[in-house]
């Protein structure tokens, strides 16, 4: 919108600026925020600018403005202002320097809608907050650390991870919706719908800036660039890999852009393992993070192999039944991994997983073995067979 295009084109190491997370055991602890990811992203954007300038010099002519390219290298003061921008400094979302610059240079900020998009985005938050308070009260996490918990029957121990993960999701939904609303209230991350903006990356299509307030007011805008959570997609998508895409979406873009693509291996599963390892390190040094994050590649390999071996051979009705079973197991896998993420310590995590006989690890290994025995292909980032991506209703979009 500002400068020569409607916005940036185009997911976290965290060293600086300081992060404003609560303590590890605070019920609203959201972990580290994406501040230092801003600097990694900015360095990449500056590098892209230098590469474009070299190409122009080599070719002898200018191709004009490129989508998402910076107009100039930011000064130290501009870098500090970006790093400490009040929008998103507490809980995110991550945003590129180009997004920040477009916000500052928005030619007609009064034409950008904020109230209606904010209300549409905020309305579920009170419900999610009440559900968090209720579920965390009825099923407190601290109970899992007590000896009496392990005297309960196996079905009770197995079920307990379901409400724990439910409470976990609800608190993040509230926090991220609030963070998004903060951006929307400031008009931050708004682009015309025609620009097809992506979470984290920004617009994917060139879009000339409006030349008058009337033309700016006639455009339809969205805030997809700063969308950090898709609650419906998270809860109702079918596969483990899809669930990752709907969760912490701007950071997922950062991880894909700067970690996954630069992984020292080519296999999708091994690249995902590399990405998850660095994501666990970014979250902290608690063993529970590593146990949880490094279970994801196993689940990805299992579902990919078994899906490619069996799903395509089924009738349409049987494929629907497959998707429902797949969704149920995906949710249980995330329930299971969440326990490591919230219990944090090696002893507490392994004690709980052992009490339910490491069921998800064993199930994933069995599915992987079956998929290999049936000749299932290696999973890749691109879909190789048609599949429903969600069992829930269509997700809402801001106006």
Protein backbone atom coordinates (compact mmCIF):
# COMPACT_ATOMS: atom_id res chain seq x y z
CA UNK A 1 0.00 0.00 0.00
CA UNK A 2 2.82 2.34 0.82
CA UNK A 3 5.67 2.91 -1.59
CA UNK A 4 5.44 1.40 -5.04
CA UNK A 5 3.34 -1.65 -4.28
CA UNK A 6 0.47 -2.56 -2.08
CA UNK A 7 2.78 -4.38 0.27
CA UNK A 8 5.34 -7.02 0.93
CA UNK A 9 5.66 -10.28 -0.79
CA UNK A 10 6.73 -13.25 0.53
CA UNK A 11 8.39 -17.90 9.88
CA UNK A 12 12.36 -17.74 14.86
CA UNK A 13 15.65 -17.43 16.65
CA UNK A 14 15.18 -15.18 19.62
CA UNK A 15 18.02 -13.20 21.07
CA UNK A 16 16.90 -9.56 20.87
CA UNK A 17 14.79 -7.55 21.62
CA UNK A 18 14.07 -8.87 25.12
CA UNK A 19 11.13 -11.20 25.37
CA UNK A 20 8.20 -10.46 27.60
CA UNK A 21 6.94 -13.96 28.44
CA UNK A 22 5.59 -14.91 31.81
CA UNK A 23 7.33 -17.50 33.95
CA UNK A 24 7.33 -21.11 32.77
CA UNK A 25 4.62 -22.20 35.17
CA UNK A 26 2.32 -19.21 34.87
CA UNK A 27 -1.05 -20.37 33.45
CA UNK A 28 -0.89 -17.70 30.78
CA UNK A 29 2.76 -18.29 29.82
CA UNK A 30 2.94 -17.94 26.04
CA UNK A 31 6.62 -18.65 25.66
CA UNK A 32 9.00 -16.43 23.71
CA UNK A 33 7.63 -13.95 21.21
CA UNK A 34 8.88 -13.41 17.66
CA UNK A 35 11.12 -10.36 18.26
CA UNK A 36 14.57 -11.64 17.15
CA UNK A 37 12.83 -13.37 14.22
CA UNK A 38 12.24 -9.83 13.01
CA UNK A 39 16.00 -9.26 12.75
CA UNK A 40 16.59 -12.54 10.93
CA UNK A 41 13.84 -11.62 8.50
CA UNK A 42 15.16 -8.08 8.09
CA UNK A 43 18.65 -9.38 7.26
CA UNK A 44 17.10 -11.58 4.58
CA UNK A 45 15.12 -8.68 3.17
CA UNK A 46 18.27 -6.52 3.01
CA UNK A 47 20.10 -9.36 1.27
CA UNK A 48 17.28 -9.62 -1.27
CA UNK A 49 17.60 -5.88 -1.92
CA UNK A 50 21.36 -6.14 -2.51
CA UNK A 51 20.87 -9.09 -4.89
CA UNK A 52 18.24 -7.18 -6.84
CA UNK A 53 20.53 -4.14 -7.08
CA UNK A 54 23.40 -6.28 -8.37
CA UNK A 55 21.18 -7.80 -11.02
CA UNK A 56 20.08 -4.36 -12.12
CA UNK A 57 23.68 -3.20 -12.37
CA UNK A 58 24.65 -6.30 -14.33
CA UNK A 59 21.76 -5.96 -16.75
CA UNK A 60 22.12 -2.21 -17.15
CA UNK A 61 18.47 -1.34 -16.66
CA UNK A 62 15.95 -1.13 -13.88
CA UNK A 63 12.97 -3.49 -13.87
CA UNK A 64 10.99 -1.25 -11.56
CA UNK A 65 9.67 -2.08 -8.10
CA UNK A 66 9.53 -5.76 -7.14
CA UNK A 67 6.94 -7.30 -4.90
CA UNK A 68 7.98 -7.12 -1.26
CA UNK A 69 11.38 -5.57 -1.96
CA UNK A 70 12.64 -2.87 0.42
CA UNK A 71 13.13 0.60 -1.09
CA UNK A 72 16.40 1.06 0.83
CA UNK A 73 18.52 -0.41 3.64
CA UNK A 74 17.02 0.76 6.95
CA UNK A 75 19.14 2.85 9.27
CA UNK A 76 20.05 1.81 12.83
CA UNK A 77 17.22 3.94 14.22
CA UNK A 78 14.73 2.43 11.76
CA UNK A 79 15.91 -1.06 12.69
CA UNK A 80 15.46 -0.34 16.40
CA UNK A 81 12.02 1.15 15.78
CA UNK A 82 10.99 -1.97 13.87
CA UNK A 83 12.41 -4.31 16.52
CA UNK A 84 10.61 -2.54 19.35
CA UNK A 85 7.39 -1.68 17.51
CA UNK A 86 4.59 -1.77 20.07
CA UNK A 87 2.38 -3.78 17.70
CA UNK A 88 2.94 -7.42 18.60
CA UNK A 89 5.81 -6.86 21.04
CA UNK A 90 4.16 -8.95 23.78
CA UNK A 91 2.83 -12.06 21.99
CA UNK A 92 3.39 -11.48 18.28
CA UNK A 93 2.44 -12.00 15.57
CA UNK A 94 5.63 -11.98 13.54
CA UNK A 95 5.73 -9.41 10.74
CA UNK A 96 8.30 -8.49 8.12
CA UNK A 97 9.97 -5.09 7.85
CA UNK A 98 8.15 -4.54 4.57
CA UNK A 99 4.83 -5.00 6.37
CA UNK A 100 5.94 -2.53 9.04
CA UNK A 101 7.04 -0.05 6.38
CA UNK A 102 3.77 -0.34 4.46
CA UNK A 103 1.92 0.44 7.67
CA UNK A 104 3.98 3.58 8.24
CA UNK A 105 3.64 4.70 4.63
CA UNK A 106 -0.03 3.91 4.19
CA UNK A 107 -1.16 6.86 2.03
CA UNK A 108 -4.77 6.96 3.27
CA UNK A 109 -4.94 5.28 6.69
CA UNK A 110 -8.41 6.66 7.37
CA UNK A 111 -9.79 4.53 4.53
CA UNK A 112 -8.57 1.27 6.09
CA UNK A 113 -11.36 -0.44 8.09
CA UNK A 114 -10.54 -1.62 11.60
CA UNK A 115 -13.65 -1.69 13.81
CA UNK A 116 -15.70 -4.29 11.93
CA UNK A 117 -12.73 -6.61 11.28
CA UNK A 118 -11.74 -6.29 14.95
CA UNK A 119 -15.23 -7.19 16.19
CA UNK A 120 -15.47 -10.12 13.80
CA UNK A 121 -12.11 -11.43 14.97
CA UNK A 122 -12.65 -10.78 18.70
CA UNK A 123 -16.12 -12.25 19.27
CA UNK A 124 -15.01 -15.86 20.10
CA UNK A 125 -12.33 -14.77 22.60
CA UNK A 126 -14.61 -14.42 25.68
CA UNK A 127 -16.03 -17.89 25.05
CA UNK A 128 -12.55 -19.37 24.64
CA UNK A 129 -11.47 -17.62 27.85
CA UNK A 130 -14.36 -19.09 29.82
CA UNK A 131 -13.67 -22.55 28.39
CA UNK A 132 -10.01 -22.22 29.41
CA UNK A 133 -10.91 -21.25 32.97
CA UNK A 134 -13.45 -24.06 33.26
CA UNK A 135 -11.30 -26.82 31.76
CA UNK A 136 -8.13 -25.82 33.64
CA UNK A 137 -10.12 -25.72 36.91
CA UNK A 138 -11.73 -29.13 36.39
CA UNK A 139 -8.56 -30.76 35.02
CA UNK A 140 -5.56 -28.98 36.60
CA UNK A 141 -2.19 -29.81 35.12
CA UNK A 142 -0.59 -30.09 38.55
CA UNK A 143 -2.64 -33.25 39.18
CA UNK A 144 -0.46 -35.10 36.67
CA UNK A 145 2.61 -34.44 38.82
CA UNK A 146 1.04 -36.08 41.90
CA UNK A 147 1.50 -39.75 42.81
CA UNK A 148 -2.23 -40.16 43.35
CA UNK A 149 -2.85 -39.50 39.66
CA UNK A 150 -1.05 -42.71 38.66
CA UNK A 151 -3.30 -44.77 40.92
CA UNK A 152 -6.22 -43.90 38.64
CA UNK A 153 -7.42 -46.44 36.05
CA UNK A 154 -5.77 -46.42 32.63
CA UNK A 155 -8.83 -44.92 30.82
CA UNK A 156 -8.81 -41.98 33.24
CA UNK A 157 -5.10 -41.37 32.73
CA UNK A 158 -5.51 -41.69 28.98
CA UNK A 159 -8.44 -39.28 28.89
CA UNK A 160 -6.74 -36.63 31.02
CA UNK A 161 -4.51 -35.43 28.20
CA UNK A 162 -7.59 -34.44 26.17
CA UNK A 163 -8.82 -31.64 28.47
CA UNK A 164 -5.22 -30.56 29.16
CA UNK A 165 -4.66 -29.95 25.46
CA UNK A 166 -8.12 -28.36 25.21
CA UNK A 167 -7.19 -25.83 27.92
CA UNK A 168 -3.82 -25.30 26.21
CA UNK A 169 -5.54 -24.45 22.92
CA UNK A 170 -8.10 -22.17 24.53
CA UNK A 171 -5.50 -19.97 26.27
CA UNK A 172 -3.49 -19.58 23.07
CA UNK A 173 -6.61 -18.83 21.06
CA UNK A 174 -7.46 -15.99 23.46
CA UNK A 175 -3.92 -14.59 23.52
CA UNK A 176 -3.40 -14.72 19.77
CA UNK A 177 -6.83 -13.35 18.97
CA UNK A 178 -6.08 -10.46 21.34
CA UNK A 179 -2.71 -9.91 19.64
CA UNK A 180 -4.35 -9.89 16.23
CA UNK A 181 -6.98 -7.46 17.47
CA UNK A 182 -4.23 -5.14 18.64
CA UNK A 183 -2.82 -5.12 15.12
CA UNK A 184 -6.24 -4.62 13.55
CA UNK A 185 -7.05 -1.73 15.90
CA UNK A 186 -3.89 0.00 14.63
CA UNK A 187 -4.65 -0.81 11.00
CA UNK A 188 -1.45 -2.89 10.96
CA UNK A 189 -1.15 -5.56 8.28
CA UNK A 190 -4.15 -4.45 6.24
CA UNK A 191 -3.88 -5.08 2.50
CA UNK A 192 -6.40 -5.18 -0.33
CA UNK A 193 -7.99 -8.60 -0.73
CA UNK A 194 -6.78 -8.62 -4.33
CA UNK A 195 -3.18 -8.79 -3.07
CA UNK A 196 -3.85 -12.29 -1.64
CA UNK A 197 -1.76 -11.72 1.48
CA UNK A 198 -0.33 -14.70 3.37
CA UNK A 199 0.18 -15.00 7.11
CA UNK A 200 3.65 -13.71 7.92
CA UNK A 201 4.78 -13.18 4.35
CA UNK A 202 2.36 -10.52 3.20
CA UNK A 203 0.90 -9.95 -0.28
CA UNK A 204 1.63 -12.49 -2.98
CA UNK A 205 0.35 -10.34 -5.86
CA UNK A 206 1.42 -6.88 -6.97
CA UNK A 207 -1.20 -4.24 -6.20
CA UNK A 208 -0.71 -0.55 -7.04
CA UNK A 209 -1.44 1.83 -4.17
CA UNK A 210 -4.69 3.82 -4.40
CA UNK A 211 -4.28 7.31 -5.80
CA UNK A 212 -7.06 8.97 -3.80
CA UNK A 213 -9.00 8.56 -0.55
CA UNK A 214 -12.10 7.60 -2.56
CA UNK A 215 -10.28 4.79 -4.37
CA UNK A 216 -8.71 3.62 -1.09
CA UNK A 217 -12.15 3.54 0.57
CA UNK A 218 -13.60 1.52 -2.32
CA UNK A 219 -11.08 -1.31 -1.84
CA UNK A 220 -11.85 -4.41 0.20
CA UNK A 221 -9.18 -5.11 2.82
CA UNK A 222 -8.16 -8.09 4.94
CA UNK A 223 -5.68 -8.71 7.76
CA UNK A 224 -4.38 -12.10 6.62
CA UNK A 225 -0.76 -10.94 6.95
CA UNK A 226 -1.02 -10.81 10.75
CA UNK A 227 -3.37 -13.81 11.15
CA UNK A 228 -1.63 -16.05 13.69
CA UNK A 229 -4.25 -18.69 14.45
CA UNK A 230 -7.01 -20.42 12.54
CA UNK A 231 -9.05 -21.97 15.35
CA UNK A 232 -11.39 -23.93 13.10
CA UNK A 233 -8.55 -25.22 10.96
CA UNK A 234 -6.55 -26.26 14.02
CA UNK A 235 -9.42 -28.19 15.56
CA UNK A 236 -10.92 -29.77 12.44
CA UNK A 237 -8.13 -30.29 9.91
CA UNK A 238 -7.51 -33.95 9.17
CA UNK A 239 -3.76 -34.39 9.26
CA UNK A 240 -0.92 -33.66 11.66
CA UNK A 241 0.90 -31.69 8.98
CA UNK A 242 -2.14 -29.49 8.34
CA UNK A 243 -2.53 -28.80 12.05
CA UNK A 244 0.98 -27.31 12.03
CA UNK A 245 0.00 -24.88 9.27
CA UNK A 246 -2.99 -23.48 11.16
CA UNK A 247 -1.14 -22.97 14.46
CA UNK A 248 1.08 -19.91 15.10
CA UNK A 249 0.77 -19.19 11.40
CA UNK A 250 3.11 -16.22 11.04
CA UNK A 251 5.86 -18.12 12.86
CA UNK A 252 5.19 -21.17 10.70
CA UNK A 253 5.86 -19.01 7.67
CA UNK A 254 9.14 -17.84 9.26
CA UNK A 255 10.18 -21.41 10.07
CA UNK A 256 9.40 -22.58 6.55
CA UNK A 257 11.16 -19.62 4.95
CA UNK A 258 14.35 -19.53 7.01
CA UNK A 259 14.74 -22.97 8.65
CA UNK A 260 12.95 -25.60 6.57
CA UNK A 261 14.22 -24.35 3.21
CA UNK A 262 17.82 -24.17 4.45
CA UNK A 263 17.80 -27.60 6.14
CA UNK A 264 20.93 -29.69 5.34
CA UNK A 265 18.79 -32.60 4.09
CA UNK A 266 16.22 -32.99 1.30
CA UNK A 267 13.73 -35.45 2.81
CA UNK A 268 10.46 -33.81 3.94
CA UNK A 269 10.43 -35.77 7.19
CA UNK A 270 14.09 -35.05 7.98
CA UNK A 271 13.66 -31.39 7.08
CA UNK A 272 10.66 -31.28 9.39
CA UNK A 273 12.73 -32.93 12.14
CA UNK A 274 15.45 -30.27 11.67
CA UNK A 275 12.84 -27.52 11.83
CA UNK A 276 11.22 -29.00 14.93
CA UNK A 277 14.61 -29.36 16.64
CA UNK A 278 15.40 -25.68 16.13
CA UNK A 279 11.87 -24.71 17.13
CA UNK A 280 12.28 -26.66 20.38
CA UNK A 281 15.60 -24.87 21.01
CA UNK A 282 13.93 -21.52 20.39
CA UNK A 283 11.25 -22.32 22.97
CA UNK A 284 13.83 -23.16 25.61
CA UNK A 285 15.97 -25.93 27.09
CA UNK A 286 13.22 -27.90 28.82
CA UNK A 287 13.38 -31.59 27.74
CA UNK A 288 9.60 -31.70 27.30
CA UNK A 289 9.86 -29.35 24.34
CA UNK A 290 12.32 -31.65 22.56
CA UNK A 291 10.34 -34.81 23.34
CA UNK A 292 7.18 -33.22 21.97
CA UNK A 293 8.57 -31.46 18.91
CA UNK A 294 10.65 -34.45 17.84
CA UNK A 295 7.60 -36.73 18.00
CA UNK A 296 6.04 -34.70 15.19
CA UNK A 297 8.36 -36.03 12.41
CA UNK A 298 7.50 -39.60 13.41
CA UNK A 299 3.80 -38.80 13.13
CA UNK A 300 4.37 -37.07 9.78
CA UNK A 301 6.23 -40.08 8.40
CA UNK A 302 3.59 -42.51 9.68
CA UNK A 303 0.58 -40.66 8.33
CA UNK A 304 2.30 -39.93 5.02
CA UNK A 305 3.32 -43.53 4.35
CA UNK A 306 0.01 -45.05 5.45
CA UNK A 307 -2.06 -42.48 3.59
CA UNK A 308 -0.23 -43.00 0.30
CA UNK A 309 -0.45 -46.78 0.70
CA UNK A 310 -4.13 -47.11 1.58
CA UNK A 311 -6.35 -44.06 1.21
CA UNK A 312 -6.30 -43.90 -2.58
CA UNK A 313 -7.52 -47.49 -2.81
CA UNK A 314 -10.68 -46.79 -0.84
CA UNK A 315 -14.14 -45.88 -2.10
CA UNK A 316 -15.36 -42.28 -1.58
CA UNK A 317 -17.46 -43.35 1.42
CA UNK A 318 -14.56 -45.27 2.93
CA UNK A 319 -12.29 -42.25 2.39
CA UNK A 320 -14.67 -40.10 4.44
CA UNK A 321 -14.56 -42.68 7.23
CA UNK A 322 -10.76 -42.73 6.91
CA UNK A 323 -10.64 -38.95 7.30
CA UNK A 324 -12.74 -39.05 10.46
CA UNK A 325 -10.50 -41.74 11.99
CA UNK A 326 -7.42 -39.82 10.84
CA UNK A 327 -8.75 -36.63 12.44
CA UNK A 328 -9.46 -38.45 15.72
CA UNK A 329 -5.94 -39.90 15.82
CA UNK A 330 -4.42 -36.55 14.85
CA UNK A 331 -6.10 -34.89 17.83
CA UNK A 332 -4.93 -37.67 20.16
CA UNK A 333 -1.38 -37.28 18.84
CA UNK A 334 -1.47 -33.56 19.64
CA UNK A 335 -3.00 -34.31 23.08
CA UNK A 336 -0.09 -36.66 23.72
CA UNK A 337 2.60 -34.26 22.53
CA UNK A 338 1.05 -31.37 24.45
CA UNK A 339 1.78 -33.19 27.71
CA UNK A 340 5.51 -32.86 27.11
CA UNK A 341 5.08 -29.23 26.17
CA UNK A 342 3.30 -28.34 29.41
CA UNK A 343 4.97 -30.75 31.87
CA UNK A 344 8.40 -29.59 30.62
CA UNK A 345 10.64 -31.86 32.69
CA UNK A 346 12.04 -35.13 31.40
CA UNK A 347 10.84 -37.11 34.42
CA UNK A 348 7.27 -35.78 34.43
CA UNK A 349 6.83 -36.21 30.68
CA UNK A 350 8.20 -39.74 30.51
CA UNK A 351 6.28 -40.72 33.64
CA UNK A 352 2.99 -39.69 32.08
CA UNK A 353 3.75 -41.19 28.67
CA UNK A 354 4.87 -44.45 30.34
CA UNK A 355 1.62 -44.56 32.34
CA UNK A 356 -0.29 -44.72 29.05
CA UNK A 357 2.30 -47.10 27.54
CA UNK A 358 3.72 -44.62 25.01
CA UNK A 359 0.63 -45.34 22.97
CA UNK A 360 1.08 -42.65 20.32
CA UNK A 361 4.70 -43.57 19.69
CA UNK A 362 3.76 -47.24 19.36
CA UNK A 363 0.76 -46.46 17.14
CA UNK A 364 2.88 -44.20 14.90
CA UNK A 365 5.59 -46.84 14.58
CA UNK A 366 2.96 -49.48 13.74
CA UNK A 367 1.37 -47.22 11.13
CA UNK A 368 4.78 -46.44 9.65
CA UNK A 369 5.66 -50.14 9.49
CA UNK A 370 2.33 -50.98 7.87
CA UNK A 371 2.72 -48.19 5.35
CA UNK A 372 6.21 -49.38 4.43
CA UNK A 373 5.01 -52.99 4.14
CA UNK A 374 2.22 -51.90 1.80
CA UNK A 375 4.56 -49.85 -0.36
CA UNK A 376 3.51 -46.38 0.72
CA UNK A 377 5.55 -43.57 -0.79
CA UNK A 378 7.63 -41.08 1.14
CA UNK A 379 5.61 -38.04 2.30
CA UNK A 380 6.37 -34.70 0.70
CA UNK A 381 5.26 -31.14 1.28
CA UNK A 382 2.89 -31.24 -1.69
CA UNK A 383 -0.25 -33.33 -1.60
CA UNK A 384 -0.03 -36.42 -3.75
CA UNK A 385 -3.68 -37.46 -3.45
CA UNK A 386 -6.89 -35.51 -3.02
CA UNK A 387 -7.96 -35.27 0.59
CA UNK A 388 -10.29 -33.20 2.70
CA UNK A 389 -8.24 -30.64 4.58
CA UNK A 390 -10.89 -29.93 7.20
CA UNK A 391 -13.93 -31.59 8.74
CA UNK A 392 -15.24 -28.31 10.14
CA UNK A 393 -17.12 -25.36 8.70
CA UNK A 394 -15.44 -22.81 6.46
CA UNK A 395 -13.20 -20.50 8.46
CA UNK A 396 -14.18 -16.87 8.95
CA UNK A 397 -12.37 -14.08 7.16
CA UNK A 398 -12.19 -10.45 8.15
CA UNK A 399 -14.03 -8.02 5.97
